[in-house]
């Protein structure tokens, strides 16, 4: 499936909060796009 967002910045801002809880972990490449870092 796919979900449309108004912008990819919005999509990256929302996905991590929706998927992950304080019990989880996210591992991010240090040069990821600013929108991923913000999310």
ModelCIF file with pLDDT and N, C-alpha, C, O atoms, coordinates in Angstrom:
data_MODEL
#
_entry.id   MODEL 
#
_entity.id                         1 
_entity.type                       polymer 
_entity.pdbx_number_of_molecules   1 
#
_entity_poly.entity_id                      1 
_entity_poly.type                           'polypeptide(L)' 
_entity_poly.nstd_linkage                   no 
_entity_poly.nstd_monomer                   no 
_entity_poly.pdbx_seq_one_letter_code       
;(UNK)(UNK)(UNK)(UNK)(UNK)(UNK)(UNK)(UNK)(UNK)(UNK)(UNK)(UNK)(UNK)(UNK)(UNK)(UNK)
(UNK)(UNK)(UNK)(UNK)(UNK)(UNK)(UNK)(UNK)(UNK)(UNK)(UNK)(UNK)(UNK)(UNK)(UNK)(UNK)
(UNK)(UNK)(UNK)(UNK)(UNK)(UNK)(UNK)
;
_entity_poly.pdbx_seq_one_letter_code_can   XXXXXXXXXXXXXXXXXXXXXXXXXXXXXXXXXXXXXXX 
_entity_poly.pdbx_strand_id                 A 
#
loop_
_entity_poly_seq.entity_id 
_entity_poly_seq.num 
_entity_poly_seq.mon_id 
_entity_poly_seq.hetero 
1 1  UNK n 
1 2  UNK n 
1 3  UNK n 
1 4  UNK n 
1 5  UNK n 
1 6  UNK n 
1 7  UNK n 
1 8  UNK n 
1 9  UNK n 
1 10 UNK n 
1 11 UNK n 
1 12 UNK n 
1 13 UNK n 
1 14 UNK n 
1 15 UNK n 
1 16 UNK n 
1 17 UNK n 
1 18 UNK n 
1 19 UNK n 
1 20 UNK n 
1 21 UNK n 
1 22 UNK n 
1 23 UNK n 
1 24 UNK n 
1 25 UNK n 
1 26 UNK n 
1 27 UNK n 
1 28 UNK n 
1 29 UNK n 
1 30 UNK n 
1 31 UNK n 
1 32 UNK n 
1 33 UNK n 
1 34 UNK n 
1 35 UNK n 
1 36 UNK n 
1 37 UNK n 
1 38 UNK n 
1 39 UNK n 
#
_struct_asym.id          A 
_struct_asym.entity_id   1 
#
loop_
_ma_qa_metric.id 
_ma_qa_metric.mode 
_ma_qa_metric.name 
_ma_qa_metric.software_group_id 
_ma_qa_metric.type 
1 global pLDDT . pLDDT 
2 local  pLDDT . pLDDT 
#
_ma_qa_metric_global.metric_id      1 
_ma_qa_metric_global.metric_value   93.31 
_ma_qa_metric_global.model_id       1 
_ma_qa_metric_global.ordinal_id     1 
#
loop_
_ma_qa_metric_local.label_asym_id 
_ma_qa_metric_local.label_comp_id 
_ma_qa_metric_local.label_seq_id 
_ma_qa_metric_local.metric_id 
_ma_qa_metric_local.metric_value 
_ma_qa_metric_local.model_id 
_ma_qa_metric_local.ordinal_id 
A UNK 1  2 92.00 1 1  
A UNK 2  2 92.00 1 2  
A UNK 3  2 90.00 1 3  
A UNK 4  2 88.00 1 4  
A UNK 5  2 87.00 1 5  
A UNK 6  2 81.00 1 6  
A UNK 7  2 82.00 1 7  
A UNK 8  2 85.00 1 8  
A UNK 9  2 85.00 1 9  
A UNK 10 2 88.00 1 10 
A UNK 11 2 91.00 1 11 
A UNK 12 2 93.00 1 12 
A UNK 13 2 91.00 1 13 
A UNK 14 2 90.00 1 14 
A UNK 15 2 93.00 1 15 
A UNK 16 2 96.00 1 16 
A UNK 17 2 95.00 1 17 
A UNK 18 2 94.00 1 18 
A UNK 19 2 94.00 1 19 
A UNK 20 2 97.00 1 20 
A UNK 21 2 97.00 1 21 
A UNK 22 2 98.00 1 22 
A UNK 23 2 98.00 1 23 
A UNK 24 2 98.00 1 24 
A UNK 25 2 98.00 1 25 
A UNK 26 2 98.00 1 26 
A UNK 27 2 98.00 1 27 
A UNK 28 2 98.00 1 28 
A UNK 29 2 98.00 1 29 
A UNK 30 2 97.00 1 30 
A UNK 31 2 97.00 1 31 
A UNK 32 2 97.00 1 32 
A UNK 33 2 94.00 1 33 
A UNK 34 2 93.00 1 34 
A UNK 35 2 93.00 1 35 
A UNK 36 2 96.00 1 36 
A UNK 37 2 96.00 1 37 
A UNK 38 2 95.00 1 38 
A UNK 39 2 96.00 1 39 
#
loop_
_atom_site.group_PDB 
_atom_site.id 
_atom_site.type_symbol 
_atom_site.label_atom_id 
_atom_site.label_alt_id 
_atom_site.label_comp_id 
_atom_site.label_asym_id 
_atom_site.label_entity_id 
_atom_site.label_seq_id 
_atom_site.pdbx_PDB_ins_code 
_atom_site.Cartn_x 
_atom_site.Cartn_y 
_atom_site.Cartn_z 
_atom_site.occupancy 
_atom_site.B_iso_or_equiv 
_atom_site.pdbx_formal_charge 
_atom_site.auth_seq_id 
_atom_site.auth_comp_id 
_atom_site.auth_asym_id 
_atom_site.auth_atom_id 
_atom_site.pdbx_PDB_model_num 
ATOM 1   N N  . UNK A 1 1  ? 0.848  -1.194 0.000  1.00 92.00 ? 1  UNK A N  1 
ATOM 2   C CA . UNK A 1 1  ? 0.000  0.000  0.000  1.00 92.00 ? 1  UNK A CA 1 
ATOM 3   C C  . UNK A 1 1  ? 0.879  1.238  0.000  1.00 92.00 ? 1  UNK A C  1 
ATOM 4   O O  . UNK A 1 1  ? 2.087  1.151  0.219  1.00 92.00 ? 1  UNK A O  1 
ATOM 5   N N  . UNK A 1 2  ? 0.277  2.375  -0.244 1.00 92.00 ? 2  UNK A N  1 
ATOM 6   C CA . UNK A 1 2  ? 0.972  3.663  -0.201 1.00 92.00 ? 2  UNK A CA 1 
ATOM 7   C C  . UNK A 1 2  ? 0.074  4.687  0.472  1.00 92.00 ? 2  UNK A C  1 
ATOM 8   O O  . UNK A 1 2  ? -1.151 4.613  0.377  1.00 92.00 ? 2  UNK A O  1 
ATOM 9   N N  . UNK A 1 3  ? 0.694  5.643  1.155  1.00 90.00 ? 3  UNK A N  1 
ATOM 10  C CA . UNK A 1 3  ? -0.032 6.739  1.797  1.00 90.00 ? 3  UNK A CA 1 
ATOM 11  C C  . UNK A 1 3  ? 0.557  8.042  1.287  1.00 90.00 ? 3  UNK A C  1 
ATOM 12  O O  . UNK A 1 3  ? 1.769  8.247  1.361  1.00 90.00 ? 3  UNK A O  1 
ATOM 13  N N  . UNK A 1 4  ? -0.291 8.928  0.767  1.00 88.00 ? 4  UNK A N  1 
ATOM 14  C CA . UNK A 1 4  ? 0.167  10.212 0.263  1.00 88.00 ? 4  UNK A CA 1 
ATOM 15  C C  . UNK A 1 4  ? 0.221  11.251 1.374  1.00 88.00 ? 4  UNK A C  1 
ATOM 16  O O  . UNK A 1 4  ? -0.690 11.353 2.195  1.00 88.00 ? 4  UNK A O  1 
ATOM 17  N N  . UNK A 1 5  ? 1.297  12.014 1.385  1.00 87.00 ? 5  UNK A N  1 
ATOM 18  C CA . UNK A 1 5  ? 1.446  13.172 2.269  1.00 87.00 ? 5  UNK A CA 1 
ATOM 19  C C  . UNK A 1 5  ? 1.625  14.418 1.396  1.00 87.00 ? 5  UNK A C  1 
ATOM 20  O O  . UNK A 1 5  ? 1.967  14.325 0.217  1.00 87.00 ? 5  UNK A O  1 
ATOM 21  N N  . UNK A 1 6  ? 1.389  15.572 1.996  1.00 81.00 ? 6  UNK A N  1 
ATOM 22  C CA . UNK A 1 6  ? 1.531  16.814 1.230  1.00 81.00 ? 6  UNK A CA 1 
ATOM 23  C C  . UNK A 1 6  ? 2.977  17.064 0.820  1.00 81.00 ? 6  UNK A C  1 
ATOM 24  O O  . UNK A 1 6  ? 3.234  17.640 -0.237 1.00 81.00 ? 6  UNK A O  1 
ATOM 25  N N  . UNK A 1 7  ? 3.921  16.632 1.652  1.00 82.00 ? 7  UNK A N  1 
ATOM 26  C CA . UNK A 1 7  ? 5.334  16.766 1.313  1.00 82.00 ? 7  UNK A CA 1 
ATOM 27  C C  . UNK A 1 7  ? 6.099  15.624 1.958  1.00 82.00 ? 7  UNK A C  1 
ATOM 28  O O  . UNK A 1 7  ? 5.639  15.028 2.931  1.00 82.00 ? 7  UNK A O  1 
ATOM 29  N N  . UNK A 1 8  ? 7.259  15.325 1.414  1.00 85.00 ? 8  UNK A N  1 
ATOM 30  C CA . UNK A 1 8  ? 8.079  14.265 1.982  1.00 85.00 ? 8  UNK A CA 1 
ATOM 31  C C  . UNK A 1 8  ? 8.640  14.676 3.339  1.00 85.00 ? 8  UNK A C  1 
ATOM 32  O O  . UNK A 1 8  ? 8.865  13.833 4.207  1.00 85.00 ? 8  UNK A O  1 
ATOM 33  N N  . UNK A 1 9  ? 8.861  15.966 3.514  1.00 85.00 ? 9  UNK A N  1 
ATOM 34  C CA . UNK A 1 9  ? 9.282  16.451 4.831  1.00 85.00 ? 9  UNK A CA 1 
ATOM 35  C C  . UNK A 1 9  ? 8.222  16.091 5.869  1.00 85.00 ? 9  UNK A C  1 
ATOM 36  O O  . UNK A 1 9  ? 8.556  15.654 6.971  1.00 85.00 ? 9  UNK A O  1 
ATOM 37  N N  . UNK A 1 10 ? 6.931  16.272 5.521  1.00 88.00 ? 10 UNK A N  1 
ATOM 38  C CA . UNK A 1 10 ? 5.843  15.909 6.425  1.00 88.00 ? 10 UNK A CA 1 
ATOM 39  C C  . UNK A 1 10 ? 5.819  14.406 6.694  1.00 88.00 ? 10 UNK A C  1 
ATOM 40  O O  . UNK A 1 10 ? 5.593  13.970 7.822  1.00 88.00 ? 10 UNK A O  1 
ATOM 41  N N  . UNK A 1 11 ? 6.054  13.628 5.647  1.00 91.00 ? 11 UNK A N  1 
ATOM 42  C CA . UNK A 1 11 ? 6.044  12.177 5.803  1.00 91.00 ? 11 UNK A CA 1 
ATOM 43  C C  . UNK A 1 11 ? 7.150  11.728 6.753  1.00 91.00 ? 11 UNK A C  1 
ATOM 44  O O  . UNK A 1 11 ? 6.916  10.906 7.639  1.00 91.00 ? 11 UNK A O  1 
ATOM 45  N N  . UNK A 1 12 ? 8.355  12.269 6.567  1.00 93.00 ? 12 UNK A N  1 
ATOM 46  C CA . UNK A 1 12 ? 9.460  11.905 7.448  1.00 93.00 ? 12 UNK A CA 1 
ATOM 47  C C  . UNK A 1 12 ? 9.236  12.427 8.868  1.00 93.00 ? 12 UNK A C  1 
ATOM 48  O O  . UNK A 1 12 ? 9.689  11.812 9.834  1.00 93.00 ? 12 UNK A O  1 
ATOM 49  N N  . UNK A 1 13 ? 8.550  13.541 8.996  1.00 91.00 ? 13 UNK A N  1 
ATOM 50  C CA . UNK A 1 13 ? 8.272  14.094 10.323 1.00 91.00 ? 13 UNK A CA 1 
ATOM 51  C C  . UNK A 1 13 ? 7.299  13.218 11.099 1.00 91.00 ? 13 UNK A C  1 
ATOM 52  O O  . UNK A 1 13 ? 7.318  13.210 12.330 1.00 91.00 ? 13 UNK A O  1 
ATOM 53  N N  . UNK A 1 14 ? 6.445  12.479 10.387 1.00 90.00 ? 14 UNK A N  1 
ATOM 54  C CA . UNK A 1 14 ? 5.399  11.718 11.049 1.00 90.00 ? 14 UNK A CA 1 
ATOM 55  C C  . UNK A 1 14 ? 5.660  10.242 11.233 1.00 90.00 ? 14 UNK A C  1 
ATOM 56  O O  . UNK A 1 14 ? 5.117  9.638  12.158 1.00 90.00 ? 14 UNK A O  1 
ATOM 57  N N  . UNK A 1 15 ? 6.474  9.641  10.383 1.00 93.00 ? 15 UNK A N  1 
ATOM 58  C CA . UNK A 1 15 ? 6.553  8.178  10.379 1.00 93.00 ? 15 UNK A CA 1 
ATOM 59  C C  . UNK A 1 15 ? 7.199  7.599  11.632 1.00 93.00 ? 15 UNK A C  1 
ATOM 60  O O  . UNK A 1 15 ? 6.729  6.588  12.153 1.00 93.00 ? 15 UNK A O  1 
ATOM 61  N N  . UNK A 1 16 ? 8.265  8.222  12.122 1.00 96.00 ? 16 UNK A N  1 
ATOM 62  C CA . UNK A 1 16 ? 8.989  7.637  13.251 1.00 96.00 ? 16 UNK A CA 1 
ATOM 63  C C  . UNK A 1 16 ? 8.162  7.712  14.539 1.00 96.00 ? 16 UNK A C  1 
ATOM 64  O O  . UNK A 1 16 ? 8.149  6.777  15.339 1.00 96.00 ? 16 UNK A O  1 
ATOM 65  N N  . UNK A 1 17 ? 7.479  8.833  14.720 1.00 95.00 ? 17 UNK A N  1 
ATOM 66  C CA . UNK A 1 17 ? 6.635  8.987  15.910 1.00 95.00 ? 17 UNK A CA 1 
ATOM 67  C C  . UNK A 1 17 ? 5.471  8.001  15.877 1.00 95.00 ? 17 UNK A C  1 
ATOM 68  O O  . UNK A 1 17 ? 5.049  7.491  16.915 1.00 95.00 ? 17 UNK A O  1 
ATOM 69  N N  . UNK A 1 18 ? 4.951  7.735  14.665 1.00 94.00 ? 18 UNK A N  1 
ATOM 70  C CA . UNK A 1 18 ? 3.818  6.825  14.539 1.00 94.00 ? 18 UNK A CA 1 
ATOM 71  C C  . UNK A 1 18 ? 4.227  5.365  14.766 1.00 94.00 ? 18 UNK A C  1 
ATOM 72  O O  . UNK A 1 18 ? 3.444  4.575  15.292 1.00 94.00 ? 18 UNK A O  1 
ATOM 73  N N  . UNK A 1 19 ? 5.449  5.011  14.371 1.00 94.00 ? 19 UNK A N  1 
ATOM 74  C CA . UNK A 1 19 ? 5.880  3.616  14.427 1.00 94.00 ? 19 UNK A CA 1 
ATOM 75  C C  . UNK A 1 19 ? 6.571  3.240  15.725 1.00 94.00 ? 19 UNK A C  1 
ATOM 76  O O  . UNK A 1 19 ? 6.438  2.109  16.192 1.00 94.00 ? 19 UNK A O  1 
ATOM 77  N N  . UNK A 1 20 ? 7.310  4.174  16.315 1.00 97.00 ? 20 UNK A N  1 
ATOM 78  C CA . UNK A 1 20 ? 8.233  3.823  17.392 1.00 97.00 ? 20 UNK A CA 1 
ATOM 79  C C  . UNK A 1 20 ? 7.783  4.378  18.740 1.00 97.00 ? 20 UNK A C  1 
ATOM 80  O O  . UNK A 1 20 ? 7.236  5.477  18.831 1.00 97.00 ? 20 UNK A O  1 
ATOM 81  N N  . UNK A 1 21 ? 8.028  3.588  19.780 1.00 97.00 ? 21 UNK A N  1 
ATOM 82  C CA . UNK A 1 21 ? 7.692  3.963  21.152 1.00 97.00 ? 21 UNK A CA 1 
ATOM 83  C C  . UNK A 1 21 ? 8.984  4.125  21.950 1.00 97.00 ? 21 UNK A C  1 
ATOM 84  O O  . UNK A 1 21 ? 10.065 3.867  21.422 1.00 97.00 ? 21 UNK A O  1 
ATOM 85  N N  . UNK A 1 22 ? 8.894  4.548  23.213 1.00 98.00 ? 22 UNK A N  1 
ATOM 86  C CA . UNK A 1 22 ? 10.100 4.630  24.046 1.00 98.00 ? 22 UNK A CA 1 
ATOM 87  C C  . UNK A 1 22 ? 10.789 3.279  24.268 1.00 98.00 ? 22 UNK A C  1 
ATOM 88  O O  . UNK A 1 22 ? 11.935 3.234  24.715 1.00 98.00 ? 22 UNK A O  1 
ATOM 89  N N  . UNK A 1 23 ? 10.100 2.186  23.959 1.00 98.00 ? 23 UNK A N  1 
ATOM 90  C CA . UNK A 1 23 ? 10.690 0.851  24.096 1.00 98.00 ? 23 UNK A CA 1 
ATOM 91  C C  . UNK A 1 23 ? 11.524 0.461  22.877 1.00 98.00 ? 23 UNK A C  1 
ATOM 92  O O  . UNK A 1 23 ? 12.210 -0.562 22.901 1.00 98.00 ? 23 UNK A O  1 
ATOM 93  N N  . UNK A 1 24 ? 11.473 1.270  21.804 1.00 98.00 ? 24 UNK A N  1 
ATOM 94  C CA . UNK A 1 24 ? 12.097 0.913  20.534 1.00 98.00 ? 24 UNK A CA 1 
ATOM 95  C C  . UNK A 1 24 ? 13.386 1.692  20.302 1.00 98.00 ? 24 UNK A C  1 
ATOM 96  O O  . UNK A 1 24 ? 13.764 2.547  21.102 1.00 98.00 ? 24 UNK A O  1 
ATOM 97  N N  . UNK A 1 25 ? 14.052 1.381  19.196 1.00 98.00 ? 25 UNK A N  1 
ATOM 98  C CA . UNK A 1 25 ? 15.297 2.064  18.839 1.00 98.00 ? 25 UNK A CA 1 
ATOM 99  C C  . UNK A 1 25 ? 15.298 2.378  17.347 1.00 98.00 ? 25 UNK A C  1 
ATOM 100 O O  . UNK A 1 25 ? 14.800 1.595  16.539 1.00 98.00 ? 25 UNK A O  1 
ATOM 101 N N  . UNK A 1 26 ? 15.864 3.536  16.989 1.00 98.00 ? 26 UNK A N  1 
ATOM 102 C CA . UNK A 1 26 ? 16.056 3.902  15.589 1.00 98.00 ? 26 UNK A CA 1 
ATOM 103 C C  . UNK A 1 26 ? 17.533 4.174  15.374 1.00 98.00 ? 26 UNK A C  1 
ATOM 104 O O  . UNK A 1 26 ? 18.166 4.881  16.158 1.00 98.00 ? 26 UNK A O  1 
ATOM 105 N N  . UNK A 1 27 ? 18.080 3.602  14.300 1.00 98.00 ? 27 UNK A N  1 
ATOM 106 C CA . UNK A 1 27 ? 19.499 3.718  13.986 1.00 98.00 ? 27 UNK A CA 1 
ATOM 107 C C  . UNK A 1 27 ? 19.624 4.463  12.664 1.00 98.00 ? 27 UNK A C  1 
ATOM 108 O O  . UNK A 1 27 ? 19.165 3.977  11.630 1.00 98.00 ? 27 UNK A O  1 
ATOM 109 N N  . UNK A 1 28 ? 20.244 5.642  12.690 1.00 98.00 ? 28 UNK A N  1 
ATOM 110 C CA . UNK A 1 28 ? 20.225 6.557  11.562 1.00 98.00 ? 28 UNK A CA 1 
ATOM 111 C C  . UNK A 1 28 ? 21.632 6.844  11.048 1.00 98.00 ? 28 UNK A C  1 
ATOM 112 O O  . UNK A 1 28 ? 22.551 7.082  11.832 1.00 98.00 ? 28 UNK A O  1 
ATOM 113 N N  . UNK A 1 29 ? 21.793 6.818  9.727  1.00 98.00 ? 29 UNK A N  1 
ATOM 114 C CA . UNK A 1 29 ? 23.064 7.233  9.113  1.00 98.00 ? 29 UNK A CA 1 
ATOM 115 C C  . UNK A 1 29 ? 23.308 8.711  9.445  1.00 98.00 ? 29 UNK A C  1 
ATOM 116 O O  . UNK A 1 29 ? 22.386 9.524  9.390  1.00 98.00 ? 29 UNK A O  1 
ATOM 117 N N  . UNK A 1 30 ? 24.542 9.047  9.783  1.00 97.00 ? 30 UNK A N  1 
ATOM 118 C CA . UNK A 1 30 ? 24.843 10.408 10.232 1.00 97.00 ? 30 UNK A CA 1 
ATOM 119 C C  . UNK A 1 30 ? 24.624 11.463 9.146  1.00 97.00 ? 30 UNK A C  1 
ATOM 120 O O  . UNK A 1 30 ? 24.489 12.645 9.463  1.00 97.00 ? 30 UNK A O  1 
ATOM 121 N N  . UNK A 1 31 ? 24.585 11.061 7.876  1.00 97.00 ? 31 UNK A N  1 
ATOM 122 C CA . UNK A 1 31 ? 24.383 12.031 6.794  1.00 97.00 ? 31 UNK A CA 1 
ATOM 123 C C  . UNK A 1 31 ? 22.974 11.957 6.195  1.00 97.00 ? 31 UNK A C  1 
ATOM 124 O O  . UNK A 1 31 ? 22.749 12.427 5.080  1.00 97.00 ? 31 UNK A O  1 
ATOM 125 N N  . UNK A 1 32 ? 22.041 11.375 6.924  1.00 97.00 ? 32 UNK A N  1 
ATOM 126 C CA . UNK A 1 32 ? 20.662 11.345 6.445  1.00 97.00 ? 32 UNK A CA 1 
ATOM 127 C C  . UNK A 1 32 ? 20.118 12.751 6.252  1.00 97.00 ? 32 UNK A C  1 
ATOM 128 O O  . UNK A 1 32 ? 20.594 13.714 6.854  1.00 97.00 ? 32 UNK A O  1 
ATOM 129 N N  . UNK A 1 33 ? 19.102 12.843 5.389  1.00 94.00 ? 33 UNK A N  1 
ATOM 130 C CA . UNK A 1 33 ? 18.474 14.129 5.091  1.00 94.00 ? 33 UNK A CA 1 
ATOM 131 C C  . UNK A 1 33 ? 17.918 14.768 6.360  1.00 94.00 ? 33 UNK A C  1 
ATOM 132 O O  . UNK A 1 33 ? 17.523 14.073 7.295  1.00 94.00 ? 33 UNK A O  1 
ATOM 133 N N  . UNK A 1 34 ? 17.893 16.091 6.380  1.00 93.00 ? 34 UNK A N  1 
ATOM 134 C CA . UNK A 1 34 ? 17.440 16.847 7.552  1.00 93.00 ? 34 UNK A CA 1 
ATOM 135 C C  . UNK A 1 34 ? 16.031 16.457 7.978  1.00 93.00 ? 34 UNK A C  1 
ATOM 136 O O  . UNK A 1 34 ? 15.724 16.485 9.169  1.00 93.00 ? 34 UNK A O  1 
ATOM 137 N N  . UNK A 1 35 ? 15.173 16.095 7.037  1.00 93.00 ? 35 UNK A N  1 
ATOM 138 C CA . UNK A 1 35 ? 13.803 15.731 7.396  1.00 93.00 ? 35 UNK A CA 1 
ATOM 139 C C  . UNK A 1 35 ? 13.762 14.425 8.187  1.00 93.00 ? 35 UNK A C  1 
ATOM 140 O O  . UNK A 1 35 ? 12.924 14.265 9.074  1.00 93.00 ? 35 UNK A O  1 
ATOM 141 N N  . UNK A 1 36 ? 14.664 13.490 7.871  1.00 96.00 ? 36 UNK A N  1 
ATOM 142 C CA . UNK A 1 36 ? 14.756 12.247 8.640  1.00 96.00 ? 36 UNK A CA 1 
ATOM 143 C C  . UNK A 1 36 ? 15.240 12.562 10.053 1.00 96.00 ? 36 UNK A C  1 
ATOM 144 O O  . UNK A 1 36 ? 14.696 12.060 11.036 1.00 96.00 ? 36 UNK A O  1 
ATOM 145 N N  . UNK A 1 37 ? 16.262 13.393 10.137 1.00 96.00 ? 37 UNK A N  1 
ATOM 146 C CA . UNK A 1 37 ? 16.810 13.775 11.443 1.00 96.00 ? 37 UNK A CA 1 
ATOM 147 C C  . UNK A 1 37 ? 15.738 14.452 12.293 1.00 96.00 ? 37 UNK A C  1 
ATOM 148 O O  . UNK A 1 37 ? 15.606 14.149 13.478 1.00 96.00 ? 37 UNK A O  1 
ATOM 149 N N  . UNK A 1 38 ? 14.970 15.368 11.695 1.00 95.00 ? 38 UNK A N  1 
ATOM 150 C CA . UNK A 1 38 ? 13.898 16.043 12.436 1.00 95.00 ? 38 UNK A CA 1 
ATOM 151 C C  . UNK A 1 38 ? 12.830 15.048 12.886 1.00 95.00 ? 38 UNK A C  1 
ATOM 152 O O  . UNK A 1 38 ? 12.349 15.114 14.017 1.00 95.00 ? 38 UNK A O  1 
ATOM 153 N N  . UNK A 1 39 ? 12.464 14.130 11.997 1.00 96.00 ? 39 UNK A N  1 
ATOM 154 C CA . UNK A 1 39 ? 11.455 13.134 12.346 1.00 96.00 ? 39 UNK A CA 1 
ATOM 155 C C  . UNK A 1 39 ? 11.899 12.255 13.500 1.00 96.00 ? 39 UNK A C  1 
ATOM 156 O O  . UNK A 1 39 ? 11.161 11.363 13.917 1.00 96.00 ? 39 UNK A O  1 
#
